[in-house]
C-alpha atoms as a PDB file:
ATOM      1  CA  MET A   1      72.589  61.862-100.242  1.00  0.00           C
ATOM      2  CA  THR A   2      72.972  65.576-100.969  1.00  0.00           C
ATOM      3  CA  ARG A   3      76.747  65.285-100.950  1.00  0.00           C
ATOM      4  CA  ILE A   4      76.603  62.176-103.121  1.00  0.00           C
ATOM      5  CA  ALA A   5      74.448  64.006-105.641  1.00  0.00           C
ATOM      6  CA  HIS A   6      76.861  66.934-105.582  1.00  0.00           C
ATOM      7  CA  TYR A   7      79.909  64.821-106.407  1.00  0.00           C
ATOM      8  CA  ARG A   8      77.954  62.859-108.981  1.00  0.00           C
ATOM      9  CA  GLU A   9      77.397  66.146-110.832  1.00  0.00           C
ATOM     10  CA  SER A  10      80.732  67.779-109.969  1.00  0.00           C
ATOM     11  CA  PRO A  11      83.525  65.253-109.306  1.00  0.00           C
ATOM     12  CA  GLY A  12      86.425  66.526-107.238  1.00  0.00           C
ATOM     13  CA  PRO A  13      89.767  65.375-105.768  1.00  0.00           C
ATOM     14  CA  VAL A  14      88.235  63.940-102.590  1.00  0.00           C
ATOM     15  CA  LEU A  15      87.567  60.406-101.357  1.00  0.00           C
ATOM     16  CA  LEU A  16      83.785  60.773-101.421  1.00  0.00           C
ATOM     17  CA  SER A  17      83.915  61.717-105.091  1.00  0.00           C
ATOM     18  CA  ASP A  18      86.005  58.617-105.862  1.00  0.00           C
ATOM     19  CA  LEU A  19      83.518  56.417-104.013  1.00  0.00           C
ATOM     20  CA  VAL A  20      80.579  57.917-105.908  1.00  0.00           C
ATOM     21  CA  GLN A  21      82.413  57.310-109.178  1.00  0.00           C
ATOM     22  CA  ALA A  22      83.049  53.682-108.172  1.00  0.00           C
ATOM     23  CA  SER A  23      79.328  53.292-107.492  1.00  0.00           C
ATOM     24  CA  ASP A  24      78.413  54.852-110.830  1.00  0.00           C
ATOM     25  CA  GLU A  25      80.782  52.454-112.582  1.00  0.00           C
ATOM     26  CA  GLY A  26      78.958  49.515-111.030  1.00  0.00           C
ATOM     27  CA  ARG A  27      81.691  48.505-108.622  1.00  0.00           C
ATOM     28  CA  MET A  28      79.284  48.864-105.671  1.00  0.00           C
ATOM     29  CA  ASN A  29      75.574  49.479-105.272  1.00  0.00           C
ATOM     30  CA  THR A  30      73.988  52.344-103.335  1.00  0.00           C
ATOM     31  CA  ALA A  31      73.633  50.334-100.141  1.00  0.00           C
ATOM     32  CA  GLU A  32      77.304  49.388-100.271  1.00  0.00           C
ATOM     33  CA  LEU A  33      78.299  52.988-101.003  1.00  0.00           C
ATOM     34  CA  LEU A  34      76.382  54.249 -97.966  1.00  0.00           C
ATOM     35  CA  SER A  35      77.858  51.475 -95.826  1.00  0.00           C
ATOM     36  CA  VAL A  36      81.433  52.397 -96.807  1.00  0.00           C
ATOM     37  CA  ILE A  37      80.799  56.088 -96.124  1.00  0.00           C
ATOM     38  CA  GLN A  38      79.253  55.266 -92.761  1.00  0.00           C
ATOM     39  CA  MET A  39      82.243  53.138 -91.783  1.00  0.00           C
ATOM     40  CA  LEU A  40      84.806  55.749 -92.789  1.00  0.00           C
ATOM     41  CA  VAL A  41      83.622  58.142 -90.059  1.00  0.00           C
ATOM     42  CA  PRO A  42      84.253  55.992 -86.947  1.00  0.00           C
ATOM     43  CA  ALA A  43      86.975  53.867 -88.549  1.00  0.00           C
ATOM     44  CA  GLY A  44      88.986  56.871 -89.694  1.00  0.00           C
ATOM     45  CA  HIS A  45      88.675  58.912 -86.505  1.00  0.00           C
ATOM     46  CA  GLU A  46      87.363  57.234 -83.377  1.00  0.00           C
ATOM     47  CA  THR A  47      89.578  54.167 -83.646  1.00  0.00           C
ATOM     48  CA  THR A  48      92.793  56.190 -83.948  1.00  0.00           C
ATOM     49  CA  ALA A  49      91.729  58.490 -81.112  1.00  0.00           C
ATOM     50  CA  ASN A  50      91.013  55.470 -78.902  1.00  0.00           C
ATOM     51  CA  SER A  51      94.408  53.938 -79.687  1.00  0.00           C
ATOM     52  CA  LEU A  52      96.114  57.218 -78.858  1.00  0.00           C
ATOM     53  CA  GLY A  53      94.367  57.302 -75.487  1.00  0.00           C
ATOM     54  CA  SER A  54      95.224  53.674 -74.774  1.00  0.00           C
ATOM     55  CA  GLY A  55      98.871  54.269 -75.606  1.00  0.00           C
ATOM     56  CA  MET A  56      99.070  57.362 -73.412  1.00  0.00           C
ATOM     57  CA  ARG A  57      97.658  55.393 -70.503  1.00  0.00           C
ATOM     58  CA  ARG A  58     100.326  52.743 -70.942  1.00  0.00           C
ATOM     59  CA  LEU A  59     103.034  55.410 -71.052  1.00  0.00           C
ATOM     60  CA  ALA A  60     101.623  57.083 -67.939  1.00  0.00           C
ATOM     61  CA  GLU A  61     101.525  53.792 -66.025  1.00  0.00           C
ATOM     62  CA  THR A  62     104.967  52.569 -67.178  1.00  0.00           C
ATOM     63  CA  PRO A  63     107.585  55.365 -66.999  1.00  0.00           C
ATOM     64  CA  SER A  64     110.315  53.131 -68.436  1.00  0.00           C
ATOM     65  CA  LEU A  65     108.416  52.986 -71.724  1.00  0.00           C
ATOM     66  CA  GLN A  66     108.670  56.760 -72.073  1.00  0.00           C
ATOM     67  CA  GLU A  67     112.460  56.698 -71.936  1.00  0.00           C
ATOM     68  CA  SER A  68     112.656  53.708 -74.250  1.00  0.00           C
ATOM     69  CA  LEU A  69     110.637  55.552 -76.889  1.00  0.00           C
ATOM     70  CA  ARG A  70     112.940  58.576 -76.573  1.00  0.00           C
ATOM     71  CA  SER A  71     116.184  56.610 -76.608  1.00  0.00           C
ATOM     72  CA  HIS A  72     115.814  53.733 -79.051  1.00  0.00           C
ATOM     73  CA  ALA A  73     115.317  54.087 -82.779  1.00  0.00           C
ATOM     74  CA  GLY A  74     112.359  52.083 -83.972  1.00  0.00           C
ATOM     75  CA  ALA A  75     110.873  51.661 -80.494  1.00  0.00           C
ATOM     76  CA  VAL A  76     107.900  53.853 -81.358  1.00  0.00           C
ATOM     77  CA  ASP A  77     107.025  51.598 -84.302  1.00  0.00           C
ATOM     78  CA  THR A  78     106.900  48.520 -82.070  1.00  0.00           C
ATOM     79  CA  PHE A  79     105.085  50.426 -79.328  1.00  0.00           C
ATOM     80  CA  VAL A  80     102.338  51.369 -81.771  1.00  0.00           C
ATOM     81  CA  GLU A  81     101.903  47.728 -82.796  1.00  0.00           C
ATOM     82  CA  GLU A  82     101.864  46.588 -79.164  1.00  0.00           C
ATOM     83  CA  VAL A  83      99.193  49.153 -78.287  1.00  0.00           C
ATOM     84  CA  LEU A  84      97.120  48.039 -81.270  1.00  0.00           C
ATOM     85  CA  ARG A  85      97.593  44.409 -80.240  1.00  0.00           C
ATOM     86  CA  LEU A  86      96.830  44.853 -76.545  1.00  0.00           C
ATOM     87  CA  ASP A  87      94.171  47.547 -76.769  1.00  0.00           C
ATOM     88  CA  ALA A  88      92.513  46.970 -80.133  1.00  0.00           C
ATOM     89  CA  PRO A  89      90.176  49.951 -80.655  1.00  0.00           C
ATOM     90  CA  VAL A  90      87.652  47.531 -82.143  1.00  0.00           C
ATOM     91  CA  GLN A  91      87.626  44.305 -80.163  1.00  0.00           C
ATOM     92  CA  GLY A  92      85.730  42.241 -82.720  1.00  0.00           C
ATOM     93  CA  LEU A  93      82.864  42.182 -85.190  1.00  0.00           C
ATOM     94  CA  PHE A  94      79.975  39.974 -86.275  1.00  0.00           C
ATOM     95  CA  ARG A  95      80.328  37.612 -89.208  1.00  0.00           C
ATOM     96  CA  VAL A  96      77.883  35.254 -90.966  1.00  0.00           C
ATOM     97  CA  VAL A  97      79.096  31.689 -91.406  1.00  0.00           C
ATOM     98  CA  ARG A  98      79.294  30.697 -95.082  1.00  0.00           C
ATOM     99  CA  LYS A  99      80.612  27.167 -94.593  1.00  0.00           C
ATOM    100  CA  GLU A 100      79.811  24.766 -91.773  1.00  0.00           C
ATOM    101  CA  ILE A 101      82.724  24.406 -89.388  1.00  0.00           C
ATOM    102  CA  VAL A 102      83.457  22.546 -86.160  1.00  0.00           C
ATOM    103  CA  VAL A 103      85.277  24.443 -83.404  1.00  0.00           C
ATOM    104  CA  ASP A 104      86.097  22.577 -80.174  1.00  0.00           C
ATOM    105  CA  ASP A 105      83.476  19.923 -80.944  1.00  0.00           C
ATOM    106  CA  VAL A 106      80.795  22.553 -81.554  1.00  0.00           C
ATOM    107  CA  THR A 107      79.261  22.591 -85.036  1.00  0.00           C
ATOM    108  CA  ILE A 108      78.592  26.089 -86.353  1.00  0.00           C
ATOM    109  CA  PRO A 109      76.067  25.856 -89.191  1.00  0.00           C
ATOM    110  CA  VAL A 110      75.873  27.873 -92.390  1.00  0.00           C
ATOM    111  CA  GLY A 111      73.993  31.139 -91.824  1.00  0.00           C
ATOM    112  CA  ALA A 112      74.831  31.389 -88.130  1.00  0.00           C
ATOM    113  CA  THR A 113      76.026  34.721 -86.781  1.00  0.00           C
ATOM    114  CA  VAL A 114      79.258  34.590 -84.819  1.00  0.00           C
ATOM    115  CA  VAL A 115      81.402  37.110 -83.003  1.00  0.00           C
ATOM    116  CA  LEU A 116      85.052  37.160 -83.988  1.00  0.00           C
ATOM    117  CA  SER A 117      87.019  38.522 -81.030  1.00  0.00           C
ATOM    118  CA  TRP A 118      90.429  39.576 -82.273  1.00  0.00           C
ATOM    119  CA  GLY A 119      90.929  41.354 -78.977  1.00  0.00           C
ATOM    120  CA  ALA A 120      91.225  37.859 -77.508  1.00  0.00           C
ATOM    121  CA  ALA A 121      93.196  36.457 -80.451  1.00  0.00           C
ATOM    122  CA  ASN A 122      95.768  39.234 -80.022  1.00  0.00           C
ATOM    123  CA  ARG A 123      96.597  37.817 -76.594  1.00  0.00           C
ATOM    124  CA  ASP A 124      97.007  34.209 -77.685  1.00  0.00           C
ATOM    125  CA  PRO A 125     100.128  33.022 -75.796  1.00  0.00           C
ATOM    126  CA  ALA A 126     100.874  30.519 -78.551  1.00  0.00           C
ATOM    127  CA  LYS A 127     101.369  33.469 -80.917  1.00  0.00           C
ATOM    128  CA  PHE A 128     102.571  36.151 -78.514  1.00  0.00           C
ATOM    129  CA  PRO A 129     104.586  34.895 -75.507  1.00  0.00           C
ATOM    130  CA  ASP A 130     103.832  36.856 -72.314  1.00  0.00           C
ATOM    131  CA  PRO A 131     100.861  38.285 -74.196  1.00  0.00           C
ATOM    132  CA  ASP A 132      99.676  40.823 -71.610  1.00  0.00           C
ATOM    133  CA  ALA A 133     102.950  42.763 -71.549  1.00  0.00           C
ATOM    134  CA  VAL A 134     104.239  45.530 -73.799  1.00  0.00           C
ATOM    135  CA  ASN A 135     107.429  44.095 -75.271  1.00  0.00           C
ATOM    136  CA  LEU A 136     109.406  46.507 -77.429  1.00  0.00           C
ATOM    137  CA  ASP A 137     111.625  43.629 -78.562  1.00  0.00           C
ATOM    138  CA  ARG A 138     108.721  41.541 -79.812  1.00  0.00           C
ATOM    139  CA  LYS A 139     109.442  40.562 -83.422  1.00  0.00           C
ATOM    140  CA  ASN A 140     105.901  39.719 -84.493  1.00  0.00           C
ATOM    141  CA  SER A 141     103.967  42.586 -82.896  1.00  0.00           C
ATOM    142  CA  ALA A 142     102.557  43.692 -86.254  1.00  0.00           C
ATOM    143  CA  GLN A 143     100.955  40.278 -86.806  1.00  0.00           C
ATOM    144  CA  HIS A 144      97.963  41.197 -84.632  1.00  0.00           C
ATOM    145  CA  LEU A 145      94.417  41.136 -86.017  1.00  0.00           C
ATOM    146  CA  SER A 146      93.320  44.625 -84.961  1.00  0.00           C
ATOM    147  CA  PHE A 147      92.962  45.703 -88.589  1.00  0.00           C
ATOM    148  CA  GLY A 148      91.117  42.551 -89.589  1.00  0.00           C
ATOM    149  CA  LEU A 149      92.309  40.034 -92.144  1.00  0.00           C
ATOM    150  CA  GLY A 150      91.859  39.130 -95.778  1.00  0.00           C
ATOM    151  CA  ALA A 151      89.042  40.815 -97.676  1.00  0.00           C
ATOM    152  CA  HIS A 152      88.075  42.733 -94.541  1.00  0.00           C
ATOM    153  CA  PHE A 153      91.556  44.129 -93.852  1.00  0.00           C
ATOM    154  CA  CYS A 154      91.344  47.820 -92.933  1.00  0.00           C
ATOM    155  CA  VAL A 155      92.218  49.961 -95.960  1.00  0.00           C
ATOM    156  CA  GLY A 156      93.325  52.780 -93.632  1.00  0.00           C
ATOM    157  CA  ASN A 157      95.804  50.726 -91.614  1.00  0.00           C
ATOM    158  CA  GLN A 158      98.898  52.525 -92.877  1.00  0.00           C
ATOM    159  CA  LEU A 159      97.362  55.944 -92.253  1.00  0.00           C
ATOM    160  CA  ALA A 160      96.374  54.951 -88.707  1.00  0.00           C
ATOM    161  CA  ARG A 161      99.838  53.575 -88.001  1.00  0.00           C
ATOM    162  CA  ALA A 162     101.495  56.724 -89.351  1.00  0.00           C
ATOM    163  CA  GLU A 163      99.236  58.980 -87.282  1.00  0.00           C
ATOM    164  CA  LEU A 164     100.036  57.044 -84.107  1.00  0.00           C
ATOM    165  CA  ARG A 165     103.788  56.944 -84.800  1.00  0.00           C
ATOM    166  CA  ILE A 166     103.898  60.706 -85.354  1.00  0.00           C
ATOM    167  CA  ALA A 167     101.736  61.441 -82.310  1.00  0.00           C
ATOM    168  CA  PHE A 168     103.685  59.274 -79.849  1.00  0.00           C
ATOM    169  CA  THR A 169     107.037  60.478 -81.203  1.00  0.00           C
ATOM    170  CA  LYS A 170     106.077  64.115 -80.681  1.00  0.00           C
ATOM    171  CA  LEU A 171     104.422  63.511 -77.314  1.00  0.00           C
ATOM    172  CA  VAL A 172     107.385  61.753 -75.678  1.00  0.00           C
ATOM    173  CA  GLN A 173     109.724  64.407 -77.054  1.00  0.00           C
ATOM    174  CA  ARG A 174     107.686  67.274 -75.628  1.00  0.00           C
ATOM    175  CA  LEU A 175     106.235  65.713 -72.468  1.00  0.00           C
ATOM    176  CA  HIS A 176     108.287  64.241 -69.646  1.00  0.00           C
ATOM    177  CA  ASN A 177     107.365  62.491 -66.404  1.00  0.00           C
ATOM    178  CA  ILE A 178     103.986  61.509 -67.818  1.00  0.00           C
ATOM    179  CA  HIS A 179     101.791  59.993 -65.101  1.00  0.00           C
ATOM    180  CA  LEU A 180      98.152  59.562 -64.184  1.00  0.00           C
ATOM    181  CA  ALA A 181      96.614  62.369 -62.173  1.00  0.00           C
ATOM    182  CA  PRO A 182      96.110  61.423 -58.511  1.00  0.00           C
ATOM    183  CA  GLY A 183      92.733  60.362 -57.229  1.00  0.00           C
ATOM    184  CA  GLU A 184      90.033  58.054 -58.462  1.00  0.00           C
ATOM    185  CA  GLY A 185      88.569  58.350 -61.912  1.00  0.00           C
ATOM    186  CA  ALA A 186      91.732  59.339 -63.762  1.00  0.00           C
ATOM    187  CA  VAL A 187      90.758  56.854 -66.460  1.00  0.00           C
ATOM    188  CA  THR A 188      87.216  56.004 -67.521  1.00  0.00           C
ATOM    189  CA  TYR A 189      85.919  53.832 -70.346  1.00  0.00           C
ATOM    190  CA  ARG A 190      82.656  53.908 -72.257  1.00  0.00           C
ATOM    191  CA  PRO A 191      80.727  50.633 -71.943  1.00  0.00           C
ATOM    192  CA  HIS A 192      80.600  49.221 -75.455  1.00  0.00           C
ATOM    193  CA  PHE A 193      80.518  45.711 -76.856  1.00  0.00           C
ATOM    194  CA  PHE A 194      83.159  46.345 -79.533  1.00  0.00           C
ATOM    195  CA  ALA A 195      84.680  49.847 -79.332  1.00  0.00           C
ATOM    196  CA  TYR A 196      87.494  50.143 -76.784  1.00  0.00           C
ATOM    197  CA  GLY A 197      89.474  53.105 -75.512  1.00  0.00           C
ATOM    198  CA  PRO A 198      89.467  55.685 -72.701  1.00  0.00           C
ATOM    199  CA  ALA A 199      86.503  58.049 -72.566  1.00  0.00           C
ATOM    200  CA  SER A 200      88.594  60.295 -70.322  1.00  0.00           C
ATOM    201  CA  LEU A 201      92.251  60.211 -69.364  1.00  0.00           C
ATOM    202  CA  ASP A 202      93.605  62.636 -66.766  1.00  0.00           C
ATOM    203  CA  ILE A 203      97.384  62.838 -66.905  1.00  0.00           C
ATOM    204  CA  GLU A 204     100.069  65.124 -65.546  1.00  0.00           C
ATOM    205  CA  PHE A 205     103.459  65.782 -67.102  1.00  0.00           C
ATOM    206  CA  THR A 206     106.449  68.096 -67.180  1.00  0.00           C
ATOM    207  CA  ALA A 207     106.940  70.229 -70.278  1.00  0.00           C
ATOM    208  CA  GLY A 208     110.211  72.137 -70.210  1.00  0.00           C
ATOM    209  CA  ASN A 209     110.436  73.819 -66.846  1.00  0.00           C
ATOM    210  CA  ALA A 210     106.699  73.955 -66.297  1.00  0.00           C
ATOM    211  CA  SER A 211     104.362  71.368 -64.902  1.00  0.00           C
ATOM    212  CA  SER A 212     100.864  70.721 -66.187  1.00  0.00           C
END
């Protein structure tokens, strides 16, 4: 609240100041303002970090992907979408039903709380043939639901995509022979109902003439 009060008195060229101004103009109430600020922290950092870790694991476990990303223009773009599709950093969220609906003969009443699992939807074989594989020739990779849909579509999706494209491009240029470190426990995951990504990822690689 201290920072909100500061930007209310002294607006500046930062996102928080813009959000405070939107609240002051009546476009959101205080509860909504605090909710947006709270979401920007994990959504703007943890999710991208988790996707980066998930992508590095896939590169380490599939050496052919590394060469494809180095050799083929546009491959990194598709790789990013495939990582987001297969390893969505947020696997789903709760929603409140606003209109009664029947799904597979089950009636879901108004007011019920449901879990939307886009981690599962992203592997629907009717939408994505051979859904568990990374396919750099897949034409509809970007049609996953990892950024949500409609009114809830992630406003930072283009920033996240750009960050991942830049990171993977630089990493495969600078690191070669990327592989998981030997032994058990090279990859660990935090147990979480929604958030998904490696908590630790031990890899080895060749950089120039030196190994690390």
